[in-house]
Protein backbone atom coordinates (compact mmCIF):
# COMPACT_ATOMS: atom_id res chain seq x y z
CA MET A 1 67.05 149.85 127.88
CA GLY A 2 70.43 150.44 129.35
CA ALA A 3 72.28 149.59 132.53
CA ASN A 4 71.11 151.59 135.48
CA HIS A 5 74.20 153.72 135.81
CA THR A 6 76.28 153.16 132.70
CA ALA A 7 77.94 156.26 131.29
CA TYR A 8 77.28 156.46 127.57
CA PRO A 9 80.29 156.20 125.25
CA ARG A 10 81.08 159.61 123.85
CA ARG A 11 81.68 160.28 120.21
CA ALA A 12 83.55 163.11 118.61
CA GLN A 13 81.95 166.31 119.85
CA ARG A 14 80.68 168.27 116.95
CA ALA A 15 77.88 170.68 116.27
CA THR A 16 75.95 170.46 113.04
CA ALA A 17 73.84 172.75 110.95
CA ALA A 18 70.78 171.12 112.52
CA LEU A 19 71.33 173.21 115.65
CA ALA A 20 70.74 176.37 113.69
CA ALA A 21 67.31 175.05 112.75
CA LEU A 22 66.33 175.13 116.40
CA ALA A 23 66.74 178.89 116.70
CA LEU A 24 64.75 180.64 119.40
CA THR A 25 62.28 182.02 116.89
CA GLY A 26 62.07 178.72 115.04
CA LEU A 27 59.97 177.05 117.71
CA GLY A 28 56.85 179.14 117.13
CA VAL A 29 55.09 176.43 115.17
CA SER A 30 51.57 177.42 114.23
CA LEU A 31 49.05 174.82 115.34
CA SER A 32 45.28 174.95 115.10
CA ALA A 33 43.63 174.21 118.44
CA PRO A 34 46.70 172.66 120.10
CA GLY A 35 45.41 169.77 122.15
CA ALA A 36 47.74 170.11 125.14
CA ALA A 37 47.53 173.86 125.69
CA SER A 38 46.26 175.38 128.92
CA ALA A 39 45.57 178.76 130.38
CA ASP A 40 48.96 178.57 132.08
CA SER A 41 50.90 179.74 129.02
CA GLY A 42 48.61 179.37 126.03
CA GLU A 43 51.26 177.17 124.39
CA PRO A 44 51.14 173.47 123.53
CA THR A 45 53.13 170.79 125.26
CA MET A 46 56.74 170.73 124.08
CA MET A 47 58.66 167.46 124.44
CA MET A 48 61.98 166.46 122.86
CA PRO A 49 62.73 162.71 122.77
CA THR A 50 66.41 162.12 121.97
CA GLY A 51 67.64 158.73 120.80
CA GLY A 52 70.65 158.43 123.07
CA GLY A 53 73.86 159.95 124.33
CA TYR A 54 74.79 163.37 125.66
CA GLU A 55 76.37 164.89 122.60
CA PRO A 56 76.66 168.69 122.52
CA VAL A 57 74.48 169.08 119.43
CA ALA A 58 71.51 167.44 121.18
CA LEU A 59 72.06 169.05 124.58
CA GLN A 60 72.43 172.47 122.99
CA ALA A 61 69.15 171.96 121.11
CA PHE A 62 67.45 171.31 124.44
CA GLY A 63 69.22 174.30 125.98
CA THR A 64 68.00 176.52 123.15
CA ALA A 65 64.43 175.37 123.74
CA ALA A 66 64.73 175.95 127.51
CA ILE A 67 66.08 179.45 126.88
CA SER A 68 62.97 180.20 124.84
CA LYS A 69 60.85 179.44 127.91
CA ALA A 70 62.82 181.61 130.34
CA GLY A 71 61.03 184.73 131.47
CA ASP A 72 63.91 186.07 133.53
CA ALA A 73 67.70 186.14 133.45
CA THR A 74 68.10 182.57 134.70
CA VAL A 75 67.32 179.49 132.62
CA ASP A 76 66.39 176.92 135.26
CA ILE A 77 66.81 173.29 134.25
CA VAL A 78 65.82 170.38 136.49
CA VAL A 79 67.47 167.01 135.80
CA VAL A 80 65.60 163.80 136.66
CA PRO A 81 67.82 160.69 137.14
CA SER A 82 65.09 158.12 137.86
CA ALA A 83 66.20 155.78 135.06
CA TYR A 84 69.42 155.16 137.01
CA GLY A 85 67.79 153.44 139.98
CA ASP A 86 69.65 153.06 143.25
CA ASP A 87 70.31 149.42 144.01
CA LEU A 88 72.86 149.68 146.78
CA PRO A 89 75.77 150.21 146.76
CA SER A 90 75.23 152.09 143.48
CA ARG A 91 73.22 155.01 144.87
CA PRO A 92 76.22 157.24 145.71
CA GLU A 93 77.80 156.39 142.37
CA ASN A 94 74.58 157.14 140.51
CA ILE A 95 74.12 160.46 142.29
CA ALA A 96 77.68 161.43 141.42
CA LEU A 97 77.19 160.54 137.76
CA ALA A 98 73.84 162.35 137.68
CA ARG A 99 75.52 165.46 139.06
CA GLU A 100 78.09 165.24 136.29
CA ARG A 101 75.34 164.98 133.69
CA THR A 102 73.51 167.91 135.27
CA ALA A 103 76.62 170.06 134.96
CA GLU A 104 77.09 168.88 131.38
CA ILE A 105 73.52 169.80 130.44
CA ALA A 106 73.82 173.24 132.02
CA ALA A 107 77.17 173.83 130.30
CA ALA A 108 75.67 172.95 126.90
CA CYS A 109 72.86 175.41 127.57
CA ASN A 110 75.37 178.12 128.46
CA GLU A 111 77.14 177.51 125.15
CA VAL A 112 74.06 178.75 123.30
CA VAL A 113 72.77 181.35 125.79
CA THR A 114 75.51 183.81 124.84
CA GLY A 115 74.10 187.15 123.73
CA THR A 116 70.71 186.69 125.37
CA GLY A 117 71.63 188.23 128.73
CA LYS A 118 70.72 184.98 130.47
CA ARG A 119 72.58 182.17 132.19
CA CYS A 120 71.68 178.49 132.56
CA VAL A 121 71.55 176.71 135.91
CA GLY A 122 71.07 172.96 136.34
CA ARG A 123 69.50 171.40 139.42
CA LEU A 124 69.45 167.68 140.17
CA ALA A 125 66.24 166.27 141.63
CA ILE A 126 67.11 163.27 143.83
CA LEU A 127 64.50 160.87 142.47
CA LEU A 128 66.25 157.51 142.32
CA ASN A 129 63.77 155.23 144.09
CA ARG A 130 60.12 155.05 144.96
CA ALA A 131 60.56 156.56 148.38
CA ASP A 132 62.36 159.53 146.82
CA ALA A 133 59.50 160.12 144.39
CA LEU A 134 56.79 159.81 147.04
CA ASN A 135 58.50 162.42 149.20
CA ALA A 136 57.14 165.68 147.80
CA ALA A 137 60.16 167.58 149.10
CA ASN A 138 62.38 165.79 146.58
CA SER A 139 60.35 167.16 143.68
CA ALA A 140 60.14 170.74 144.97
CA ALA A 141 62.36 171.94 142.11
CA LEU A 142 59.82 170.54 139.65
CA ARG A 143 57.13 172.77 141.17
CA ASN A 144 59.25 175.91 141.08
CA PRO A 145 57.50 178.45 138.83
CA SER A 146 60.88 179.65 137.57
CA MET A 147 61.68 176.22 136.05
CA ASP A 148 62.14 176.36 132.27
CA GLY A 149 63.21 172.84 131.31
CA ILE A 150 63.21 169.25 132.54
CA TYR A 151 65.76 166.71 131.33
CA ILE A 152 65.31 162.97 132.01
CA LEU A 153 68.56 161.02 131.95
CA GLY A 154 69.03 157.69 130.20
CA GLY A 155 69.32 154.29 131.83
CA ASP A 156 66.40 151.88 132.27
CA GLN A 157 62.93 153.16 131.40
CA GLY A 158 61.21 150.43 133.41
CA ILE A 159 63.09 151.51 136.53
CA ALA A 160 62.26 155.14 135.77
CA MET A 161 58.52 154.51 135.67
CA LYS A 162 58.55 152.27 138.74
CA VAL A 163 60.03 155.28 140.50
CA LEU A 164 57.83 158.01 138.98
CA ALA A 165 54.39 156.60 138.15
CA ASN A 166 51.56 158.15 140.19
CA SER A 167 53.97 160.10 142.40
CA PRO A 168 54.15 163.77 143.42
CA ALA A 169 57.17 164.02 141.10
CA GLU A 170 55.20 162.82 138.05
CA ARG A 171 52.29 165.10 138.92
CA ALA A 172 54.65 168.08 139.23
CA MET A 173 56.17 167.36 135.82
CA ALA A 174 52.71 166.94 134.30
CA ALA A 175 51.53 170.30 135.67
CA ALA A 176 54.56 172.11 134.28
CA VAL A 177 54.76 170.41 130.89
CA THR A 178 51.10 170.15 129.93
CA GLY A 179 50.70 173.79 130.86
CA GLY A 180 53.20 174.67 128.14
CA ARG A 181 55.37 176.46 130.68
CA VAL A 182 58.46 174.26 130.35
CA VAL A 183 60.07 172.00 127.78
CA LEU A 184 60.80 168.38 128.64
CA ALA A 185 63.54 166.35 126.98
CA GLY A 186 65.09 162.99 127.66
CA THR A 187 67.71 160.73 126.17
CA SER A 188 67.47 156.99 125.52
CA ALA A 189 65.32 155.65 128.39
CA GLY A 190 64.41 159.29 129.03
CA ALA A 191 62.95 159.39 125.52
CA ALA A 192 61.11 156.07 125.89
CA VAL A 193 59.10 157.35 128.87
CA GLU A 194 57.83 160.30 126.81
CA SER A 195 55.16 158.14 125.18
CA ARG A 196 52.36 156.91 127.41
CA SER A 197 52.54 153.43 125.84
CA MET A 198 56.18 152.62 126.42
CA ILE A 199 58.64 150.18 124.92
CA ASN A 200 60.44 148.64 127.90
CA GLY A 201 63.01 146.70 125.87
CA TYR A 202 63.01 143.23 124.36
CA VAL A 203 61.45 140.20 125.98
CA GLY A 204 63.99 137.87 127.58
CA ASP A 205 67.10 137.40 125.47
CA TYR A 206 65.47 138.59 122.25
CA GLY A 207 67.20 141.28 120.23
CA PRO A 208 67.25 142.73 116.70
CA ALA A 209 67.38 139.24 115.20
CA GLN A 210 63.90 138.55 116.59
CA GLY A 211 62.51 142.07 116.31
CA LEU A 212 59.93 141.16 113.66
CA ARG A 213 58.45 138.35 115.76
CA ARG A 214 55.23 138.67 117.71
CA GLY A 215 55.85 139.37 121.38
CA SER A 216 59.51 140.32 120.95
CA THR A 217 58.90 143.68 122.63
CA LEU A 218 58.21 144.14 126.31
CA MET A 219 55.39 146.69 126.19
CA TRP A 220 53.98 148.77 129.00
CA TRP A 221 50.65 149.87 127.54
CA GLY A 222 49.17 153.22 128.47
CA ASP A 223 45.48 152.37 128.03
CA ASP A 224 44.93 150.50 131.28
CA SER A 225 44.90 151.45 134.93
CA ASP A 226 48.13 149.89 136.11
CA ALA A 227 51.36 151.81 136.67
CA GLU A 228 53.30 149.96 133.98
CA ARG A 229 53.27 152.71 131.36
CA GLY A 230 55.21 155.75 130.24
CA LEU A 231 54.61 159.19 131.69
CA ALA A 232 50.94 159.94 132.32
CA PHE A 233 51.23 163.06 130.17
CA GLY A 234 53.31 161.34 127.48
CA SER A 235 52.33 161.18 123.84
CA ARG A 236 49.25 159.12 123.04
CA LYS A 237 49.77 159.44 119.28
CA ALA A 238 53.33 158.10 119.15
CA ILE A 239 55.28 155.21 120.62
CA TYR A 240 58.92 156.18 120.91
CA ASP A 241 61.94 154.00 120.29
CA GLN A 242 65.54 155.12 120.77
CA HIS A 243 69.03 154.31 119.46
CA PHE A 244 66.88 153.62 116.43
CA TYR A 245 69.30 153.40 113.53
CA GLN A 246 72.24 152.62 115.80
CA ARG A 247 70.78 149.39 117.19
CA GLY A 248 68.74 148.18 114.21
CA ARG A 249 65.35 148.67 115.84
CA PHE A 250 63.08 149.05 112.80
CA GLY A 251 61.94 145.45 113.21
CA ARG A 252 61.10 145.95 116.87
CA SER A 253 59.05 149.05 116.22
CA MET A 254 57.21 147.49 113.29
CA SER A 255 56.09 144.49 115.35
CA THR A 256 55.21 146.84 118.22
CA ILE A 257 52.98 149.03 116.05
CA ALA A 258 51.37 145.93 114.53
CA THR A 259 50.55 144.75 118.05
CA ALA A 260 49.28 148.23 118.94
CA ASP A 261 47.02 148.09 115.90
CA GLU A 262 45.41 144.99 117.35
CA ARG A 263 45.19 146.43 120.86
CA PHE A 264 43.70 149.75 119.81
CA GLY A 265 41.08 148.33 117.47
CA GLY A 266 42.80 149.04 114.17
CA THR A 267 43.94 152.57 114.94
CA SER A 268 47.57 152.39 115.97
CA PRO A 269 49.88 155.17 117.13
CA VAL A 270 52.82 156.18 114.96
CA GLY A 271 56.11 154.49 115.68
CA VAL A 272 58.74 157.21 116.14
CA GLY A 273 62.38 156.18 116.41
CA ALA A 274 65.11 158.72 117.17
CA ASP A 275 68.69 157.75 116.49
CA TYR A 276 71.68 158.30 118.75
CA ALA A 277 72.54 162.00 119.31
CA THR A 278 69.37 162.93 117.44
CA GLY A 279 65.94 164.07 118.48
CA VAL A 280 62.72 165.72 117.42
CA VAL A 281 60.27 168.16 118.97
CA ASN A 282 56.76 166.87 119.66
CA TYR A 283 54.70 170.02 119.74
CA GLY A 284 51.29 169.64 121.36
CA ASP A 285 51.16 165.92 120.48
CA LYS A 286 50.14 167.19 117.06
CA LEU A 287 53.36 167.89 115.22
CA LEU A 288 56.81 166.31 115.03
CA THR A 289 59.18 169.06 113.96
CA GLN A 290 62.68 170.54 114.28
CA VAL A 291 64.75 167.35 113.93
CA PHE A 292 68.16 168.03 115.48
CA GLY A 293 71.43 166.17 115.85
CA ASP A 294 73.81 163.91 113.98
CA SER A 295 71.44 161.46 112.30
CA GLY A 296 67.69 161.08 111.65
CA VAL A 297 64.29 160.06 112.98
CA GLY A 298 62.12 157.32 111.50
CA THR A 299 58.32 157.08 111.50
CA ILE A 300 56.36 153.84 111.09
CA ASP A 301 52.76 154.24 110.01
CA PHE A 302 50.22 151.41 109.69
CA GLU A 303 47.23 153.66 109.02
CA SER A 304 47.93 155.95 106.03
CA LEU A 305 47.93 153.15 103.44
CA GLY A 306 45.64 150.81 105.33
CA ALA A 307 48.39 148.36 106.24
CA THR A 308 47.34 144.80 106.99
CA HIS A 309 49.21 142.21 108.97
CA ARG A 310 49.20 138.72 110.44
CA TRP A 311 51.76 136.48 112.16
CA VAL A 312 53.11 133.41 110.37
CA GLY A 313 55.22 130.36 111.10
CA THR A 314 55.90 128.65 114.40
CA GLU A 315 58.02 131.64 115.45
CA ARG A 316 55.20 134.08 114.60
CA TRP A 317 57.00 136.36 112.16
CA LEU A 318 55.29 139.60 111.15
CA SER A 319 53.66 139.43 107.74
CA ALA A 320 52.62 142.99 106.88
CA ARG A 321 51.65 144.83 103.73
CA LYS A 322 51.89 148.54 102.91
CA VAL A 323 53.59 149.93 106.00
CA LYS A 324 54.55 153.54 105.31
CA VAL A 325 57.96 154.71 106.53
CA ASN A 326 59.44 158.20 106.55
CA LEU A 327 63.01 159.15 107.45
CA MET A 328 62.83 162.64 108.95
CA THR A 329 65.70 165.11 108.80
CA GLU A 330 66.01 168.84 109.36
CA GLY A 331 63.37 170.82 107.48
CA THR A 332 60.69 168.14 107.82
CA ASP A 333 57.43 168.23 109.78
CA PHE A 334 55.14 165.27 110.45
CA ASP A 335 51.51 165.88 111.37
CA LEU A 336 50.51 163.25 113.93
CA ASP A 337 46.84 163.59 113.03
CA SER A 338 46.87 163.61 109.22
CA ARG A 339 50.17 161.66 109.12
CA ARG A 340 51.41 163.86 106.32
CA LEU A 341 55.04 164.86 105.97
CA THR A 342 56.21 168.20 104.63
CA ARG A 343 59.73 169.16 103.69
CA ASN A 344 60.58 172.84 103.64
CA GLY A 345 56.84 173.50 103.63
CA ALA A 346 55.99 171.27 100.66
CA LEU A 347 53.93 168.09 100.99
CA VAL A 348 55.99 165.00 100.12
CA GLY A 349 55.59 161.24 100.27
CA GLN A 350 51.99 160.96 99.07
CA VAL A 351 52.16 157.40 97.76
CA SER A 352 49.54 154.76 97.08
CA GLY A 353 51.43 151.58 97.85
CA ARG A 354 50.79 150.27 94.35
CA ALA A 355 51.37 146.64 93.49
CA TRP A 356 54.76 145.17 92.70
CA SER A 357 56.01 141.82 91.46
CA ALA A 358 58.97 139.95 92.86
CA PRO A 359 61.93 139.35 90.51
CA ALA A 360 61.59 136.16 88.47
CA ALA A 361 64.09 133.34 88.56
CA PRO A 362 66.79 134.19 86.00
CA GLY A 363 67.47 130.61 84.89
CA ARG A 364 65.77 127.31 84.24
CA GLY A 365 66.28 125.98 87.75
CA VAL A 366 65.85 127.11 91.33
CA LEU A 367 67.77 130.05 92.77
CA TYR A 368 68.14 130.69 96.50
CA LEU A 369 69.22 134.01 97.98
CA GLY A 370 70.37 133.50 101.57
CA GLY A 371 70.72 136.02 104.36
CA GLY A 372 73.61 134.15 105.99
CA ILE A 373 72.60 130.63 107.00
CA LEU A 374 75.69 128.98 108.46
CA GLN A 375 74.08 128.80 111.90
CA THR A 376 71.09 126.70 110.81
CA THR A 377 70.35 123.71 108.59
CA LYS A 378 66.77 124.64 107.67
CA VAL A 379 67.50 126.55 104.46
CA MET A 380 70.27 124.19 103.43
CA GLY A 381 67.86 121.30 103.95
CA SER A 382 65.56 122.84 101.34
CA VAL A 383 68.51 123.31 98.95
CA VAL A 384 69.57 119.69 99.42
CA LYS A 385 66.03 118.47 98.83
CA ASP A 386 65.75 120.42 95.57
CA ALA A 387 69.16 119.19 94.39
CA ALA A 388 68.32 115.58 95.19
CA SER A 389 65.01 115.89 93.34
CA ALA A 390 66.87 117.14 90.28
CA SER A 391 69.23 114.13 90.29
CA PRO A 392 68.30 110.65 88.99
CA ALA A 393 70.80 109.14 91.43
CA PRO A 394 71.15 111.49 94.44
CA ALA A 395 73.94 109.46 96.04
CA ASP A 396 76.05 109.97 92.90
CA ALA A 397 75.08 113.61 92.35
CA ARG A 398 77.68 116.32 92.60
CA LEU A 399 77.52 119.62 94.44
CA LEU A 400 79.97 122.44 93.75
CA ILE A 401 80.93 125.02 96.36
CA LEU A 402 82.29 128.11 94.61
CA SER A 403 83.89 130.33 97.24
CA ALA A 404 84.73 133.95 96.58
CA ASP A 405 86.86 134.44 99.66
CA SER A 406 88.54 131.41 101.28
CA SER A 407 88.88 127.63 101.53
CA SER A 408 87.64 127.75 105.13
CA THR A 409 84.39 129.32 103.92
CA ALA A 410 84.00 126.52 101.40
CA ALA A 411 84.67 123.92 104.09
CA ASP A 412 82.06 125.44 106.40
CA TYR A 413 79.38 125.27 103.73
CA GLY A 414 80.40 121.75 102.80
CA ALA A 415 79.99 120.62 106.38
CA LEU A 416 76.61 122.38 106.54
CA ALA A 417 75.42 120.59 103.39
CA LYS A 418 76.33 117.24 104.93
CA ARG A 419 74.54 118.05 108.17
CA ALA A 420 71.50 119.01 106.10
CA GLY A 421 71.46 115.56 104.48
CA TRP A 422 73.51 115.82 101.29
CA MET A 423 74.60 112.28 100.37
CA GLY A 424 76.38 112.96 97.09
CA HIS A 425 79.84 114.24 96.19
CA ILE A 426 81.08 117.71 97.13
CA ASP A 427 83.66 119.58 95.08
CA THR A 428 85.12 122.97 95.94
CA ALA A 429 86.53 125.76 93.81
CA VAL A 430 88.08 128.64 95.72
CA TYR A 431 88.84 131.83 93.85
CA GLY A 432 92.59 132.16 93.30
CA SER A 433 93.37 128.49 93.90
CA ALA A 434 94.69 126.16 91.23
CA SER A 435 92.32 125.42 88.32
CA TRP A 436 89.34 127.16 89.93
CA ALA A 437 88.45 128.86 86.66
CA GLY A 438 88.26 125.58 84.73
CA VAL A 439 85.26 124.22 86.61
CA ASP A 440 82.61 122.60 84.41
CA ILE A 441 79.30 123.89 85.79
CA GLY A 442 77.38 121.35 83.72
CA ARG A 443 78.53 118.48 85.95
CA TYR A 444 76.64 119.69 89.01
CA ALA A 445 73.15 119.22 90.37
CA ALA A 446 73.69 122.19 92.64
CA VAL A 447 76.13 125.09 92.86
CA LEU A 448 76.68 126.98 96.10
CA VAL A 449 78.15 130.45 95.57
CA VAL A 450 79.44 131.55 98.97
CA ALA A 451 81.31 134.30 100.78
CA VAL A 452 81.26 135.71 104.29
CA ALA A 453 83.59 138.72 104.09
CA PRO A 454 82.69 141.36 101.46
CA PRO A 455 86.16 142.99 101.32
CA LYS A 456 87.77 139.58 100.69
CA SER A 457 85.33 138.95 97.86
CA VAL A 458 86.14 142.07 95.86
CA ALA A 459 88.76 140.43 93.63
CA ALA A 460 86.53 137.48 92.78
CA PHE A 461 83.44 139.56 92.15
CA ALA A 462 85.41 141.90 89.88
CA ASP A 463 86.94 139.04 87.87
CA ALA A 464 85.11 138.39 84.60
CA ARG A 465 85.96 134.67 84.82
CA PHE A 466 84.32 134.32 88.25
CA ARG A 467 81.33 136.30 87.08
CA GLY A 468 81.07 134.02 84.06
CA LEU A 469 80.99 130.91 86.24
CA VAL A 470 78.31 132.40 88.45
CA THR A 471 76.08 133.58 85.62
CA THR A 472 76.46 130.26 83.82
CA ALA A 473 75.43 128.43 86.98
CA VAL A 474 72.43 130.70 87.48
CA ALA A 475 71.34 130.19 83.88
CA THR A 476 71.85 126.43 83.61
CA ALA A 477 72.28 124.60 86.93
CA PRO A 478 69.24 122.83 88.42
CA VAL A 479 69.83 124.49 91.80
CA VAL A 480 71.93 127.51 92.73
CA PHE A 481 72.30 128.80 96.27
CA ALA A 482 74.02 132.14 96.95
CA ASP A 483 74.52 133.23 100.53
CA GLY A 484 75.42 136.43 102.34
CA PRO A 485 77.65 138.71 100.25
CA ALA A 486 77.28 136.30 97.32
CA ALA A 487 73.50 136.77 97.41
CA ALA A 488 74.05 140.54 97.28
CA TYR A 489 76.41 140.03 94.33
CA LEU A 490 73.65 138.38 92.31
CA GLY A 491 71.55 141.53 92.58
CA SER A 492 71.92 144.76 90.67
CA ARG A 493 74.41 146.25 93.13
CA TRP A 494 76.37 145.22 96.18
CA SER A 495 78.60 146.87 98.75
CA ALA A 496 82.12 145.78 99.65
CA GLN A 497 81.96 147.47 103.06
CA ALA A 498 83.04 145.15 105.86
CA ARG A 499 80.34 143.53 107.94
CA PRO A 500 80.09 144.68 111.55
CA ASN A 501 81.97 142.90 114.29
CA GLY A 502 81.54 142.93 118.04
CA ASP A 503 83.15 146.36 118.38
CA ASP A 504 81.51 148.40 115.64
CA TYR A 505 77.94 147.21 115.11
CA GLU A 506 76.44 150.49 116.24
CA ASP A 507 78.81 152.75 114.33
CA LYS A 508 78.27 150.79 111.12
CA ALA A 509 74.51 150.80 111.62
CA VAL A 510 74.46 154.60 111.88
CA ALA A 511 76.85 154.90 108.94
CA ALA A 512 74.57 152.72 106.79
CA PHE A 513 72.04 155.58 106.77
CA LYS A 514 74.58 157.99 105.28
CA THR A 515 73.94 158.40 101.57
CA THR A 516 77.57 157.81 100.57
CA GLU A 517 78.29 154.82 102.84
CA ALA A 518 77.59 151.85 100.57
CA LYS A 519 79.94 152.79 97.70
CA TRP A 520 77.88 150.56 95.46
CA ARG A 521 79.50 148.17 92.97
CA ALA A 522 77.79 146.49 90.05
CA GLY A 523 76.38 143.04 90.73
CA THR A 524 75.69 140.39 88.13
CA GLY A 525 72.14 141.66 87.70
CA SER A 526 70.82 138.11 87.76
CA VAL A 527 68.13 139.39 90.13
CA ALA A 528 66.65 142.77 89.24
CA ALA A 529 66.73 144.12 92.79
CA THR A 530 69.20 144.99 95.54
CA VAL A 531 69.69 142.10 97.94
CA ILE A 532 70.57 143.01 101.55
CA PRO A 533 71.65 139.93 103.53
CA ALA A 534 71.42 139.78 107.34
CA ILE A 535 69.32 142.94 107.45
CA ASN A 536 68.32 142.14 111.02
CA THR A 537 71.51 140.88 112.68
CA ASP A 538 73.88 143.22 110.81
CA TYR A 539 71.58 146.24 111.40
CA GLN A 540 71.47 146.95 107.66
CA TRP A 541 68.16 148.82 107.41
CA GLY A 542 69.94 151.96 106.25
CA ARG A 543 71.64 150.04 103.43
CA ALA A 544 68.25 148.81 102.20
CA PHE A 545 66.74 152.30 102.28
CA ASN A 546 69.72 153.81 100.47
CA ALA A 547 69.46 151.10 97.82
CA VAL A 548 65.98 152.18 96.75
CA ALA A 549 67.07 155.82 96.87
CA VAL A 550 69.73 155.21 94.21
CA ALA A 551 67.57 152.88 92.11
CA LYS A 552 63.99 154.10 92.35
CA GLY A 553 62.66 151.54 89.91
CA GLN A 554 63.88 148.52 91.85
CA LEU A 555 62.99 146.90 95.16
CA ALA A 556 65.40 146.13 97.98
CA LEU A 557 65.10 142.61 99.37
CA GLY A 558 66.24 142.45 102.99
CA VAL A 559 66.86 138.82 103.92
CA SER A 560 67.15 138.02 107.61
CA ALA A 561 70.01 135.88 108.85
CA GLY A 562 68.91 132.25 108.73
CA ALA A 563 66.36 132.95 106.00
CA ALA A 564 66.36 132.72 102.21
CA ILE A 565 64.27 133.61 99.18
CA ARG A 566 63.56 130.71 96.83
CA LEU A 567 63.02 131.77 93.20
CA GLN A 568 61.58 129.35 90.65
CA GLY A 569 59.95 130.51 87.45
CA GLY A 570 57.84 133.52 88.35
CA ALA A 571 57.42 132.55 92.01
CA ALA A 572 59.43 133.82 94.97
CA ARG A 573 58.90 132.39 98.46
CA VAL A 574 60.46 132.75 101.88
CA VAL A 575 62.32 129.77 103.29
CA ASP A 576 62.40 130.15 107.07
CA GLY A 577 62.84 133.42 108.93
CA SER A 578 61.79 136.78 107.55
CA VAL A 579 62.18 138.89 104.42
CA VAL A 580 61.59 142.64 104.23
CA VAL A 581 60.81 144.25 100.87
CA VAL A 582 61.48 147.98 100.62
CA ASP A 583 59.63 149.84 97.88
CA GLY A 584 60.87 153.34 97.07
CA ARG A 585 59.47 153.67 93.56
CA ASP A 586 57.24 156.63 94.40
CA ALA A 587 59.16 157.94 97.41
CA THR A 588 60.94 161.26 97.67
CA THR A 589 64.50 160.97 98.96
CA TRP A 590 67.30 163.41 99.77
CA ALA A 591 70.56 163.81 101.66
CA SER A 592 70.33 165.84 104.86
CA SER A 593 72.88 168.42 105.94
CA ASN A 594 74.59 165.78 108.11
CA GLY A 595 74.71 163.29 105.23
CA THR A 596 71.91 161.07 106.53
CA LEU A 597 69.29 159.78 104.11
CA GLY A 598 65.93 161.51 104.26
CA ALA A 599 62.87 159.88 102.74
CA ALA A 600 59.13 160.36 102.46
CA GLY A 601 56.84 157.58 101.32
CA LEU A 602 58.90 154.42 101.56
CA VAL A 603 56.58 151.42 101.66
CA LEU A 604 57.60 148.23 103.45
CA ASP A 605 56.23 144.72 103.27
CA THR A 606 57.38 141.88 105.51
CA PHE A 607 57.03 138.16 104.87
CA GLY A 608 57.41 135.01 106.92
CA PRO A 609 58.18 131.35 106.21
CA GLY A 610 56.43 129.88 103.19
CA GLU A 611 54.91 133.14 102.01
CA ALA A 612 55.03 134.30 98.41
CA LEU A 613 56.64 137.68 97.84
CA ARG A 614 53.95 139.87 96.37
CA ARG A 615 51.77 142.84 97.21
């Protein structure tokens, strides 16, 4: 969801090789018995959900498709601004912005119409409120037989459907689109409405941090008789999400599809998430094809491997097994019926979801891997309890905080340990300070290895003396807790890339799906996996997927902020929050032409508080 009239921030305008894939002749996808065809054109429905923005590469892809529908010298495009709404006094402002977008869409079309003998014309349909939509005169352009394309602007999908549902405007669009005569595209909210069951945002103040919790998504289901749904002619086989990589929405879509599985009697639609400035063609509600734009499109499938799920803990976290995920790029096609993915015509991603075992504890004691827990005492309370149990005299026991970045980080964790009930002594050793390297690990009931800023931890993590202290602690201390970047360091590889801040969350989230983004460094290897802390709040899904692409034999462990994995002997359990395990052992992966990771046959498992990590 977006504000009702917010102009999207524009990125560098660039075309990519993906546009070439959407050539006029490239849209003639062969389908057997296309379900949405009619006598009007003999062609299937053609819809193009785009994940956000108005970048030239995406608008030109839509323009190319509209050109392919034009039977005369004019490519007629009708723009629908219903997602803007018109709460006064914003109506004049929204109309003005919609006219700008209409001109922008037509201009992008004219950039690719050269050489065809045609020209593109954009027309704005004034459909901003319910009265507009009920007045058939306002949707006259949508009934014009010369219309070749419809473009639904972004904004708020709930507002859009309150305007359009069961109106002459919706019926006019349905007649044109389901007849195969025109192509329909939409960006952001305009993509969300293209599935009949529609994601209408998060519930309340929930966001990516809560995405894997039951009820985190505000759903407008398409299987009942009320008007709270997506477009009546929208996809019934997919539920679309948008800004997918950019805003860390894998968790939201996974919990949504799990809920859909319950609602639809064990046969759920496919979750389809398009990233910013990226889209895909849904052809006849049978085939997803012709991915275009700057990034990729994810699919979430609960049916192919017989995924199971339940909800655990007081916060009802999703506990799911064998969820199949594909990352579509140019050259890939996804059959919405068989749920098979092909790349350049070859079937890929046929995996079984075979069993795996969680990494064992590397030492004699307990090892915690935290996702970033400074905002809660729950995980630290478990650490304190274990440390006290390992000490004959807890009030005299000693706890060491070994900080890789700063004294303030050490102080923050020390204060947290006290709030969580630690009654013993606390010592600190900060990398680079006096005598830090001479610490005697054997004196301590518990060692906390901590860091919050990966770039500031590079020197410590590269220093053999620091590594020696950490590995000695892991091997011999009764309790070791590593949090955030330090937890990643204990795995096979870690990334020194800076964590996102308030200004660059979205850019970093998109970048995390680029195959060269992580610039992996060797970890201690104490845990034979890649540990991804704060996968939910830092939008690090792309980092986790890239980790299994570079190390096919190992799992990626995505630990949510506020959560931890507790390893003891051969057992691994979740302490509070959620953990996502990404399995790419049998997947096929590649780098797309725009540098984004492509993948077929990733298998995800999610776990909630108290659960053992196993499949």
